[in-house]
PDB file of N, CA and C in Angstrom:
ATOM      1  N   UNK A   1      13.674   1.072  -3.343  1.00  0.00           N
ATOM      2  CA  UNK A   1      14.658   0.766  -4.363  1.00  0.00           C
ATOM      3  C   UNK A   1      14.768   1.940  -5.344  1.00  0.00           C
ATOM      4  N   UNK A   2      13.607   2.486  -5.729  1.00  0.00           N
ATOM      5  CA  UNK A   2      13.634   3.640  -6.639  1.00  0.00           C
ATOM      6  C   UNK A   2      14.361   4.819  -6.002  1.00  0.00           C
ATOM      7  N   UNK A   3      14.121   5.022  -4.721  1.00  0.00           N
ATOM      8  CA  UNK A   3      14.792   6.127  -4.041  1.00  0.00           C
ATOM      9  C   UNK A   3      16.303   5.925  -4.029  1.00  0.00           C
ATOM     10  N   UNK A   4      16.733   4.694  -3.818  1.00  0.00           N
ATOM     11  CA  UNK A   4      18.177   4.406  -3.830  1.00  0.00           C
ATOM     12  C   UNK A   4      18.773   4.645  -5.219  1.00  0.00           C
ATOM     13  N   UNK A   5      18.059   4.217  -6.253  1.00  0.00           N
ATOM     14  CA  UNK A   5      18.538   4.429  -7.615  1.00  0.00           C
ATOM     15  C   UNK A   5      18.607   5.923  -7.927  1.00  0.00           C
ATOM     16  N   UNK A   6      17.609   6.675  -7.473  1.00  0.00           N
ATOM     17  CA  UNK A   6      17.626   8.117  -7.716  1.00  0.00           C
ATOM     18  C   UNK A   6      18.794   8.787  -6.992  1.00  0.00           C
ATOM     19  N   UNK A   7      19.089   8.336  -5.802  1.00  0.00           N
ATOM     20  CA  UNK A   7      20.233   8.884  -5.066  1.00  0.00           C
ATOM     21  C   UNK A   7      21.527   8.621  -5.826  1.00  0.00           C
ATOM     22  N   UNK A   8      21.662   7.409  -6.342  1.00  0.00           N
ATOM     23  CA  UNK A   8      22.847   7.055  -7.126  1.00  0.00           C
ATOM     24  C   UNK A   8      22.953   7.921  -8.374  1.00  0.00           C
ATOM     25  N   UNK A   9      21.833   8.072  -9.078  1.00  0.00           N
ATOM     26  CA  UNK A   9      21.839   8.890 -10.300  1.00  0.00           C
ATOM     27  C   UNK A   9      22.126  10.352  -9.975  1.00  0.00           C
ATOM     28  N   UNK A  10      21.644  10.834  -8.840  1.00  0.00           N
ATOM     29  CA  UNK A  10      21.914  12.213  -8.438  1.00  0.00           C
ATOM     30  C   UNK A  10      23.407  12.427  -8.206  1.00  0.00           C
ATOM     31  N   UNK A  11      24.036  11.445  -7.572  1.00  0.00           N
ATOM     32  CA  UNK A  11      25.477  11.541  -7.345  1.00  0.00           C
ATOM     33  C   UNK A  11      26.228  11.543  -8.673  1.00  0.00           C
ATOM     34  N   UNK A  12      25.796  10.689  -9.589  1.00  0.00           N
ATOM     35  CA  UNK A  12      26.432  10.631 -10.911  1.00  0.00           C
ATOM     36  C   UNK A  12      26.269  11.967 -11.631  1.00  0.00           C
ATOM     37  N   UNK A  13      25.100  12.550 -11.521  1.00  0.00           N
ATOM     38  CA  UNK A  13      24.834  13.839 -12.161  1.00  0.00           C
ATOM     39  C   UNK A  13      25.697  14.941 -11.544  1.00  0.00           C
ATOM     40  N   UNK A  14      25.854  14.906 -10.227  1.00  0.00           N
ATOM     41  CA  UNK A  14      26.714  15.887  -9.557  1.00  0.00           C
ATOM     42  C   UNK A  14      28.171  15.728 -10.008  1.00  0.00           C
ATOM     43  N   UNK A  15      28.614  14.480 -10.143  1.00  0.00           N
ATOM     44  CA  UNK A  15      29.974  14.235 -10.624  1.00  0.00           C
ATOM     45  C   UNK A  15      30.146  14.758 -12.050  1.00  0.00           C
ATOM     46  N   UNK A  16      29.114  14.595 -12.857  1.00  0.00           N
ATOM     47  CA  UNK A  16      29.151  15.087 -14.236  1.00  0.00           C
ATOM     48  C   UNK A  16      29.248  16.609 -14.262  1.00  0.00           C
ATOM     49  N   UNK A  17      28.515  17.258 -13.376  1.00  0.00           N
ATOM     50  CA  UNK A  17      28.593  18.723 -13.287  1.00  0.00           C
ATOM     51  C   UNK A  17      30.006  19.168 -12.926  1.00  0.00           C
ATOM     52  N   UNK A  18      30.571  18.502 -11.914  1.00  0.00           N
ATOM     53  CA  UNK A  18      31.918  18.851 -11.488  1.00  0.00           C
ATOM     54  C   UNK A  18      32.937  18.605 -12.600  1.00  0.00           C
ATOM     55  N   UNK A  19      32.768  17.490 -13.300  1.00  0.00           N
ATOM     56  CA  UNK A  19      33.672  17.159 -14.395  1.00  0.00           C
ATOM     57  C   UNK A  19      33.576  18.210 -15.498  1.00  0.00           C
ATOM     58  N   UNK A  20      32.376  18.639 -15.789  1.00  0.00           N
ATOM     59  CA  UNK A  20      32.166  19.658 -16.821  1.00  0.00           C
ATOM     60  C   UNK A  20      32.798  20.980 -16.407  1.00  0.00           C
ATOM     61  N   UNK A  21      32.640  21.303 -15.150  1.00  0.00           N
ATOM     62  CA  UNK A  21      33.184  22.566 -14.661  1.00  0.00           C
ATOM     63  C   UNK A  21      34.712  22.574 -14.721  1.00  0.00           C
ATOM     64  N   UNK A  22      35.325  21.437 -14.466  1.00  0.00           N
ATOM     65  CA  UNK A  22      36.785  21.415 -14.427  1.00  0.00           C
ATOM     66  C   UNK A  22      37.426  21.113 -15.784  1.00  0.00           C
ATOM     67  N   UNK A  23      36.796  20.245 -16.592  1.00  0.00           N
ATOM     68  CA  UNK A  23      37.431  19.804 -17.832  1.00  0.00           C
ATOM     69  C   UNK A  23      36.852  20.434 -19.090  1.00  0.00           C
ATOM     70  N   UNK A  24      35.538  20.431 -19.172  1.00  0.00           N
ATOM     71  CA  UNK A  24      34.930  20.819 -20.436  1.00  0.00           C
ATOM     72  C   UNK A  24      35.008  19.642 -21.388  1.00  0.00           C
ATOM     73  N   UNK A  25      34.551  19.821 -22.609  1.00  0.00           N
ATOM     74  CA  UNK A  25      34.586  18.724 -23.576  1.00  0.00           C
ATOM     75  C   UNK A  25      34.751  19.299 -24.965  1.00  0.00           C
ATOM     76  N   UNK A  26      35.467  18.562 -25.800  1.00  0.00           N
ATOM     77  CA  UNK A  26      35.684  19.022 -27.171  1.00  0.00           C
ATOM     78  C   UNK A  26      34.479  18.697 -28.042  1.00  0.00           C
ATOM     79  N   UNK A  27      33.668  17.734 -27.626  1.00  0.00           N
ATOM     80  CA  UNK A  27      32.542  17.306 -28.455  1.00  0.00           C
ATOM     81  C   UNK A  27      31.409  18.320 -28.460  1.00  0.00           C
ATOM     82  N   UNK A  28      31.122  18.921 -27.310  1.00  0.00           N
ATOM     83  CA  UNK A  28      30.032  19.885 -27.212  1.00  0.00           C
ATOM     84  C   UNK A  28      30.552  21.153 -26.570  1.00  0.00           C
ATOM     85  N   UNK A  29      29.842  22.231 -26.850  1.00  0.00           N
ATOM     86  CA  UNK A  29      30.222  23.491 -26.210  1.00  0.00           C
ATOM     87  C   UNK A  29      29.834  23.422 -24.737  1.00  0.00           C
ATOM     88  N   UNK A  30      30.528  24.151 -23.889  1.00  0.00           N
ATOM     89  CA  UNK A  30      30.184  24.155 -22.460  1.00  0.00           C
ATOM     90  C   UNK A  30      28.735  24.596 -22.216  1.00  0.00           C
ATOM     91  N   UNK A  31      28.252  25.515 -23.052  1.00  0.00           N
ATOM     92  CA  UNK A  31      26.872  25.981 -22.885  1.00  0.00           C
ATOM     93  C   UNK A  31      25.881  24.852 -23.174  1.00  0.00           C
ATOM     94  N   UNK A  32      26.136  24.072 -24.232  1.00  0.00           N
ATOM     95  CA  UNK A  32      25.259  22.959 -24.592  1.00  0.00           C
ATOM     96  C   UNK A  32      25.280  21.892 -23.499  1.00  0.00           C
ATOM     97  N   UNK A  33      26.481  21.641 -22.977  1.00  0.00           N
ATOM     98  CA  UNK A  33      26.583  20.648 -21.899  1.00  0.00           C
ATOM     99  C   UNK A  33      25.861  21.127 -20.647  1.00  0.00           C
ATOM    100  N   UNK A  34      26.019  22.393 -20.323  1.00  0.00           N
ATOM    101  CA  UNK A  34      25.341  22.945 -19.149  1.00  0.00           C
ATOM    102  C   UNK A  34      23.833  22.877 -19.314  1.00  0.00           C
ATOM    103  N   UNK A  35      23.351  23.167 -20.520  1.00  0.00           N
ATOM    104  CA  UNK A  35      21.919  23.100 -20.792  1.00  0.00           C
ATOM    105  C   UNK A  35      21.413  21.672 -20.647  1.00  0.00           C
ATOM    106  N   UNK A  36      22.161  20.722 -21.168  1.00  0.00           N
ATOM    107  CA  UNK A  36      21.759  19.310 -21.077  1.00  0.00           C
ATOM    108  C   UNK A  36      21.747  18.844 -19.626  1.00  0.00           C
ATOM    109  N   UNK A  37      22.745  19.249 -18.865  1.00  0.00           N
ATOM    110  CA  UNK A  37      22.799  18.877 -17.451  1.00  0.00           C
ATOM    111  C   UNK A  37      21.635  19.510 -16.696  1.00  0.00           C
ATOM    112  N   UNK A  38      21.289  20.740 -17.022  1.00  0.00           N
ATOM    113  CA  UNK A  38      20.150  21.395 -16.377  1.00  0.00           C
ATOM    114  C   UNK A  38      18.852  20.634 -16.687  1.00  0.00           C
ATOM    115  N   UNK A  39      18.713  20.183 -17.936  1.00  0.00           N
ATOM    116  CA  UNK A  39      17.536  19.382 -18.310  1.00  0.00           C
ATOM    117  C   UNK A  39      17.490  18.085 -17.510  1.00  0.00           C
ATOM    118  N   UNK A  40      18.645  17.444 -17.389  1.00  0.00           N
ATOM    119  CA  UNK A  40      18.713  16.196 -16.630  1.00  0.00           C
ATOM    120  C   UNK A  40      18.351  16.429 -15.158  1.00  0.00           C
ATOM    121  N   UNK A  41      18.807  17.548 -14.607  1.00  0.00           N
ATOM    122  CA  UNK A  41      18.477  17.874 -13.211  1.00  0.00           C
ATOM    123  C   UNK A  41      16.978  18.087 -13.039  1.00  0.00           C
ATOM    124  N   UNK A  42      16.361  18.778 -13.990  1.00  0.00           N
ATOM    125  CA  UNK A  42      14.914  18.989 -13.938  1.00  0.00           C
ATOM    126  C   UNK A  42      14.172  17.658 -14.020  1.00  0.00           C
ATOM    127  N   UNK A  43      14.628  16.784 -14.916  1.00  0.00           N
ATOM    128  CA  UNK A  43      13.998  15.471 -15.053  1.00  0.00           C
ATOM    129  C   UNK A  43      14.142  14.673 -13.757  1.00  0.00           C
ATOM    130  N   UNK A  44      15.325  14.728 -13.178  1.00  0.00           N
ATOM    131  CA  UNK A  44      15.569  14.014 -11.923  1.00  0.00           C
ATOM    132  C   UNK A  44      14.671  14.551 -10.815  1.00  0.00           C
ATOM    133  N   UNK A  45      14.553  15.864 -10.701  1.00  0.00           N
ATOM    134  CA  UNK A  45      13.690  16.472  -9.682  1.00  0.00           C
ATOM    135  C   UNK A  45      12.236  16.064  -9.882  1.00  0.00           C
ATOM    136  N   UNK A  46      11.817  16.027 -11.134  1.00  0.00           N
ATOM    137  CA  UNK A  46      10.452  15.606 -11.436  1.00  0.00           C
ATOM    138  C   UNK A  46      10.213  14.163 -11.010  1.00  0.00           C
ATOM    139  N   UNK A  47      11.172  13.297 -11.297  1.00  0.00           N
ATOM    140  CA  UNK A  47      11.055  11.883 -10.920  1.00  0.00           C
ATOM    141  C   UNK A  47      11.055  11.732  -9.404  1.00  0.00           C
ATOM    142  N   UNK A  48      11.897  12.508  -8.721  1.00  0.00           N
ATOM    143  CA  UNK A  48      11.933  12.458  -7.252  1.00  0.00           C
ATOM    144  C   UNK A  48      10.565  12.824  -6.688  1.00  0.00           C
ATOM    145  N   UNK A  49       9.939  13.861  -7.250  1.00  0.00           N
ATOM    146  CA  UNK A  49       8.607  14.265  -6.796  1.00  0.00           C
ATOM    147  C   UNK A  49       7.571  13.183  -7.074  1.00  0.00           C
ATOM    148  N   UNK A  50       7.652  12.571  -8.242  1.00  0.00           N
ATOM    149  CA  UNK A  50       6.709  11.501  -8.580  1.00  0.00           C
ATOM    150  C   UNK A  50       6.866  10.307  -7.648  1.00  0.00           C
ATOM    151  N   UNK A  51       8.097   9.962  -7.331  1.00  0.00           N
ATOM    152  CA  UNK A  51       8.350   8.844  -6.416  1.00  0.00           C
ATOM    153  C   UNK A  51       7.796   9.174  -5.024  1.00  0.00           C
ATOM    154  N   UNK A  52       7.972  10.414  -4.578  1.00  0.00           N
ATOM    155  CA  UNK A  52       7.442  10.821  -3.272  1.00  0.00           C
ATOM    156  C   UNK A  52       5.913  10.722  -3.257  1.00  0.00           C
ATOM    157  N   UNK A  53       5.268  11.158  -4.344  1.00  0.00           N
ATOM    158  CA  UNK A  53       3.812  11.046  -4.435  1.00  0.00           C
ATOM    159  C   UNK A  53       3.377   9.588  -4.462  1.00  0.00           C
ATOM    160  N   UNK A  54       4.103   8.770  -5.197  1.00  0.00           N
ATOM    161  CA  UNK A  54       3.796   7.340  -5.268  1.00  0.00           C
ATOM    162  C   UNK A  54       3.931   6.689  -3.895  1.00  0.00           C
ATOM    163  N   UNK A  55       4.968   7.050  -3.178  1.00  0.00           N
ATOM    164  CA  UNK A  55       5.192   6.493  -1.847  1.00  0.00           C
ATOM    165  C   UNK A  55       4.045   6.878  -0.915  1.00  0.00           C
ATOM    166  N   UNK A  56       3.626   8.140  -0.953  1.00  0.00           N
ATOM    167  CA  UNK A  56       2.508   8.586  -0.108  1.00  0.00           C
ATOM    168  C   UNK A  56       1.227   7.845  -0.481  1.00  0.00           C
ATOM    169  N   UNK A  57       0.981   7.671  -1.773  1.00  0.00           N
ATOM    170  CA  UNK A  57      -0.212   6.950  -2.222  1.00  0.00           C
ATOM    171  C   UNK A  57      -0.171   5.498  -1.763  1.00  0.00           C
ATOM    172  N   UNK A  58       0.980   4.873  -1.885  1.00  0.00           N
ATOM    173  CA  UNK A  58       1.112   3.471  -1.479  1.00  0.00           C
ATOM    174  C   UNK A  58       0.900   3.313   0.027  1.00  0.00           C
ATOM    175  N   UNK A  59       1.412   4.259   0.810  1.00  0.00           N
ATOM    176  CA  UNK A  59       1.213   4.188   2.255  1.00  0.00           C
ATOM    177  C   UNK A  59      -0.268   4.325   2.593  1.00  0.00           C
ATOM    178  N   UNK A  60      -0.959   5.208   1.886  1.00  0.00           N
ATOM    179  CA  UNK A  60      -2.395   5.374   2.091  1.00  0.00           C
ATOM    180  C   UNK A  60      -3.142   4.093   1.727  1.00  0.00           C
ATOM    181  N   UNK A  61      -2.777   3.497   0.612  1.00  0.00           N
ATOM    182  CA  UNK A  61      -3.425   2.257   0.167  1.00  0.00           C
ATOM    183  C   UNK A  61      -3.157   1.127   1.162  1.00  0.00           C
ATOM    184  N   UNK A  62      -1.924   1.029   1.652  1.00  0.00           N
ATOM    185  CA  UNK A  62      -1.603  -0.006   2.637  1.00  0.00           C
ATOM    186  C   UNK A  62      -2.414   0.183   3.918  1.00  0.00           C
ATOM    187  N   UNK A  63      -2.593   1.422   4.340  1.00  0.00           N
ATOM    188  CA  UNK A  63      -3.404   1.700   5.528  1.00  0.00           C
ATOM    189  C   UNK A  63      -4.858   1.301   5.293  1.00  0.00           C
ATOM    190  N   UNK A  64      -5.381   1.586   4.107  1.00  0.00           N
ATOM    191  CA  UNK A  64      -6.756   1.195   3.782  1.00  0.00           C
ATOM    192  C   UNK A  64      -6.902  -0.320   3.770  1.00  0.00           C
ATOM    193  N   UNK A  65      -5.927  -1.037   3.247  1.00  0.00           N
ATOM    194  CA  UNK A  65      -5.979  -2.506   3.261  1.00  0.00           C
ATOM    195  C   UNK A  65      -5.903  -3.043   4.684  1.00  0.00           C
ATOM    196  N   UNK A  66      -5.101  -2.401   5.533  1.00  0.00           N
ATOM    197  CA  UNK A  66      -5.010  -2.831   6.924  1.00  0.00           C
ATOM    198  C   UNK A  66      -6.367  -2.693   7.612  1.00  0.00           C
ATOM    199  N   UNK A  67      -7.031  -1.561   7.402  1.00  0.00           N
ATOM    200  CA  UNK A  67      -8.358  -1.338   7.969  1.00  0.00           C
ATOM    201  C   UNK A  67      -9.336  -2.366   7.406  1.00  0.00           C
ATOM    202  N   UNK A  68      -9.261  -2.601   6.103  1.00  0.00           N
ATOM    203  CA  UNK A  68     -10.136  -3.603   5.476  1.00  0.00           C
ATOM    204  C   UNK A  68      -9.937  -4.975   6.117  1.00  0.00           C
ATOM    205  N   UNK A  69      -8.682  -5.377   6.297  1.00  0.00           N
ATOM    206  CA  UNK A  69      -8.397  -6.685   6.894  1.00  0.00           C
ATOM    207  C   UNK A  69      -8.970  -6.794   8.304  1.00  0.00           C
ATOM    208  N   UNK A  70      -8.851  -5.716   9.088  1.00  0.00           N
ATOM    209  CA  UNK A  70      -9.403  -5.729  10.449  1.00  0.00           C
ATOM    210  C   UNK A  70     -10.924  -5.879  10.419  1.00  0.00           C
ATOM    211  N   UNK A  71     -11.568  -5.097   9.565  1.00  0.00           N
ATOM    212  CA  UNK A  71     -13.027  -5.160   9.472  1.00  0.00           C
ATOM    213  C   UNK A  71     -13.472  -6.510   8.937  1.00  0.00           C
ATOM    214  N   UNK A  72     -12.762  -7.038   7.960  1.00  0.00           N
ATOM    215  CA  UNK A  72     -13.107  -8.346   7.398  1.00  0.00           C
ATOM    216  C   UNK A  72     -13.027  -9.426   8.476  1.00  0.00           C
ATOM    217  N   UNK A  73     -11.981  -9.385   9.283  1.00  0.00           N
ATOM    218  CA  UNK A  73     -11.833 -10.383  10.350  1.00  0.00           C
ATOM    219  C   UNK A  73     -12.984 -10.276  11.348  1.00  0.00           C
ATOM    220  N   UNK A  74     -13.359  -9.047  11.674  1.00  0.00           N
ATOM    221  CA  UNK A  74     -14.461  -8.835  12.607  1.00  0.00           C
ATOM    222  C   UNK A  74     -15.783  -9.347  12.027  1.00  0.00           C
ATOM    223  N   UNK A  75     -16.050  -9.041  10.766  1.00  0.00           N
ATOM    224  CA  UNK A  75     -17.277  -9.501  10.114  1.00  0.00           C
ATOM    225  C   UNK A  75     -17.283 -11.024   9.992  1.00  0.00           C
ATOM    226  N   UNK A  76     -16.149 -11.595   9.680  1.00  0.00           N
ATOM    227  CA  UNK A  76     -16.049 -13.046   9.564  1.00  0.00           C
ATOM    228  C   UNK A  76     -16.366 -13.714  10.899  1.00  0.00           C
ATOM    229  N   UNK A  77     -15.829 -13.169  11.980  1.00  0.00           N
ATOM    230  CA  UNK A  77     -16.104 -13.711  13.307  1.00  0.00           C
ATOM    231  C   UNK A  77     -17.589 -13.588  13.652  1.00  0.00           C
ATOM    232  N   UNK A  78     -18.169 -12.432  13.358  1.00  0.00           N
ATOM    233  CA  UNK A  78     -19.596 -12.230  13.635  1.00  0.00           C
ATOM    234  C   UNK A  78     -20.447 -13.194  12.812  1.00  0.00           C
ATOM    235  N   UNK A  79     -20.091 -13.413  11.569  1.00  0.00           N
ATOM    236  CA  UNK A  79     -20.828 -14.340  10.708  1.00  0.00           C
ATOM    237  C   UNK A  79     -20.766 -15.753  11.263  1.00  0.00           C
ATOM    238  N   UNK A  80     -19.592 -16.149  11.718  1.00  0.00           N
ATOM    239  CA  UNK A  80     -19.445 -17.479  12.306  1.00  0.00           C
ATOM    240  C   UNK A  80     -20.315 -17.614  13.550  1.00  0.00           C
ATOM    241  N   UNK A  81     -20.329 -16.582  14.370  1.00  0.00           N
ATOM    242  CA  UNK A  81     -21.168 -16.612  15.574  1.00  0.00           C
ATOM    243  C   UNK A  81     -22.649 -16.721  15.214  1.00  0.00           C
ATOM    244  N   UNK A  82     -23.084 -15.928  14.244  1.00  0.00           N
ATOM    245  CA  UNK A  82     -24.493 -15.958  13.838  1.00  0.00           C
ATOM    246  C   UNK A  82     -24.866 -17.317  13.254  1.00  0.00           C
ATOM    247  N   UNK A  83     -23.994 -17.890  12.443  1.00  0.00           N
ATOM    248  CA  UNK A  83     -24.281 -19.211  11.877  1.00  0.00           C
ATOM    249  C   UNK A  83     -24.395 -20.260  12.985  1.00  0.00           C
ATOM    250  N   UNK A  84     -23.536 -20.142  13.995  1.00  0.00           N
ATOM    251  CA  UNK A  84     -23.611 -21.061  15.123  1.00  0.00           C
ATOM    252  C   UNK A  84     -24.944 -20.899  15.854  1.00  0.00           C
ATOM    253  N   UNK A  85     -25.330 -19.651  16.101  1.00  0.00           N
ATOM    254  CA  UNK A  85     -26.600 -19.399  16.790  1.00  0.00           C
ATOM    255  C   UNK A  85     -27.783 -19.921  15.986  1.00  0.00           C
ATOM    256  N   UNK A  86     -27.764 -19.697  14.691  1.00  0.00           N
ATOM    257  CA  UNK A  86     -28.851 -20.180  13.830  1.00  0.00           C
ATOM    258  C   UNK A  86     -28.909 -21.695  13.870  1.00  0.00           C
ATOM    259  N   UNK A  87     -27.749 -22.323  13.855  1.00  0.00           N
ATOM    260  CA  UNK A  87     -27.697 -23.780  13.907  1.00  0.00           C
ATOM    261  C   UNK A  87     -28.260 -24.288  15.232  1.00  0.00           C
ATOM    262  N   UNK A  88     -27.976 -23.591  16.320  1.00  0.00           N
ATOM    263  CA  UNK A  88     -28.466 -24.006  17.629  1.00  0.00           C
ATOM    264  C   UNK A  88     -29.968 -23.760  17.791  1.00  0.00           C
ATOM    265  N   UNK A  89     -30.494 -22.810  17.052  1.00  0.00           N
ATOM    266  CA  UNK A  89     -31.908 -22.458  17.181  1.00  0.00           C
ATOM    267  C   UNK A  89     -32.823 -23.301  16.304  1.00  0.00           C
ATOM    268  N   UNK A  90     -32.272 -24.097  15.432  1.00  0.00           N
ATOM    269  CA  UNK A  90     -33.099 -24.925  14.547  1.00  0.00           C
ATOM    270  C   UNK A  90     -33.849 -25.961  15.372  1.00  0.00           C
ATOM    271  N   UNK A  91     -35.098 -26.212  15.022  1.00  0.00           N
ATOM    272  CA  UNK A  91     -35.809 -27.288  15.714  1.00  0.00           C
ATOM    273  C   UNK A  91     -35.112 -28.607  15.420  1.00  0.00           C
ATOM    274  N   UNK A  92     -35.081 -29.478  16.400  1.00  0.00           N
ATOM    275  CA  UNK A  92     -34.304 -30.714  16.267  1.00  0.00           C
ATOM    276  C   UNK A  92     -35.147 -31.858  15.723  1.00  0.00           C
ATOM    277  N   UNK A  93     -35.952 -31.619  14.749  1.00  0.00           N
ATOM    278  CA  UNK A  93     -36.728 -32.681  14.123  1.00  0.00           C
ATOM    279  C   UNK A  93     -37.942 -33.088  14.938  1.00  0.00           C
ATOM    280  N   UNK A  94     -38.004 -32.691  16.189  1.00  0.00           N
ATOM    281  CA  UNK A  94     -39.166 -33.000  17.011  1.00  0.00           C
ATOM    282  C   UNK A  94     -40.276 -32.019  16.683  1.00  0.00           C
ATOM    283  N   UNK A  95     -41.446 -32.340  17.128  1.00  0.00           N
ATOM    284  CA  UNK A  95     -42.541 -31.394  16.929  1.00  0.00           C
ATOM    285  C   UNK A  95     -42.244 -30.170  17.768  1.00  0.00           C
ATOM    286  N   UNK A  96     -42.811 -29.073  17.391  1.00  0.00           N
ATOM    287  CA  UNK A  96     -42.598 -27.835  18.129  1.00  0.00           C
ATOM    288  C   UNK A  96     -43.465 -27.840  19.385  1.00  0.00           C
ATOM    289  N   UNK A  97     -43.208 -28.794  20.230  1.00  0.00           N
ATOM    290  CA  UNK A  97     -43.989 -28.906  21.457  1.00  0.00           C
ATOM    291  C   UNK A  97     -43.360 -28.049  22.540  1.00  0.00           C
ATOM    292  N   UNK A  98     -44.086 -27.919  23.606  1.00  0.00           N
ATOM    293  CA  UNK A  98     -43.596 -27.137  24.733  1.00  0.00           C
ATOM    294  C   UNK A  98     -42.338 -27.777  25.312  1.00  0.00           C
ATOM    295  N   UNK A  99     -42.306 -29.083  25.386  1.00  0.00           N
ATOM    296  CA  UNK A  99     -41.138 -29.791  25.910  1.00  0.00           C
ATOM    297  C   UNK A  99     -39.915 -29.566  25.016  1.00  0.00           C
ATOM    298  N   UNK A 100     -40.111 -29.608  23.701  1.00  0.00           N
ATOM    299  CA  UNK A 100     -39.001 -29.395  22.768  1.00  0.00           C
ATOM    300  C   UNK A 100     -38.460 -27.980  22.903  1.00  0.00           C
ATOM    301  N   UNK A 101     -39.366 -27.026  23.072  1.00  0.00           N
ATOM    302  CA  UNK A 101     -38.927 -25.641  23.230  1.00  0.00           C
ATOM    303  C   UNK A 101     -38.177 -25.449  24.545  1.00  0.00           C
ATOM    304  N   UNK A 102     -38.630 -26.088  25.606  1.00  0.00           N
ATOM    305  CA  UNK A 102     -37.942 -25.989  26.894  1.00  0.00           C
ATOM    306  C   UNK A 102     -36.529 -26.579  26.785  1.00  0.00           C
ATOM    307  N   UNK A 103     -36.440 -27.711  26.093  1.00  0.00           N
ATOM    308  CA  UNK A 103     -35.132 -28.358  25.886  1.00  0.00           C
ATOM    309  C   UNK A 103     -34.202 -27.451  25.103  1.00  0.00           C
ATOM    310  N   UNK A 104     -34.750 -26.781  24.095  1.00  0.00           N
ATOM    311  CA  UNK A 104     -33.940 -25.869  23.267  1.00  0.00           C
ATOM    312  C   UNK A 104     -33.477 -24.670  24.095  1.00  0.00           C
ATOM    313  N   UNK A 105     -34.322 -24.157  24.943  1.00  0.00           N
ATOM    314  CA  UNK A 105     -33.947 -23.036  25.820  1.00  0.00           C
ATOM    315  C   UNK A 105     -32.797 -23.456  26.730  1.00  0.00           C
ATOM    316  N   UNK A 106     -32.885 -24.663  27.300  1.00  0.00           N
ATOM    317  CA  UNK A 106     -31.810 -25.156  28.159  1.00  0.00           C
ATOM    318  C   UNK A 106     -30.494 -25.267  27.379  1.00  0.00           C
ATOM    319  N   UNK A 107     -30.604 -25.762  26.145  1.00  0.00           N
ATOM    320  CA  UNK A 107     -29.401 -25.901  25.312  1.00  0.00           C
ATOM    321  C   UNK A 107     -28.780 -24.529  25.046  1.00  0.00           C
ATOM    322  N   UNK A 108     -29.601 -23.567  24.751  1.00  0.00           N
ATOM    323  CA  UNK A 108     -29.088 -22.221  24.477  1.00  0.00           C
ATOM    324  C   UNK A 108     -28.465 -21.593  25.722  1.00  0.00           C
ATOM    325  N   UNK A 109     -29.052 -21.866  26.888  1.00  0.00           N
ATOM    326  CA  UNK A 109     -28.496 -21.289  28.123  1.00  0.00           C
ATOM    327  C   UNK A 109     -27.159 -21.927  28.419  1.00  0.00           C
TER     328      UNK A 109
END
């Protein structure tokens, strides 16, 4: 959206330059108007550069969030698996007898 607005403002500024070149103005001298337009062009160029830097930064941040989301999903899945395994490995209230351990091994297999 900012890029579109800057494009619109650039066109308006170009039209202003053309208007100044062809008409001039009684309110200000042509030199003063040219100086003001040059200042506006510099400001516009500066803003265009800032928007480009912002866009690059945002793309980098979005890529980092994408990587984070992938890693988070992987860690979440691993955590769920480990919790399931821990739950399956708990003794089932029986004494830790050989028979109970054999039963638990069968369950795990």
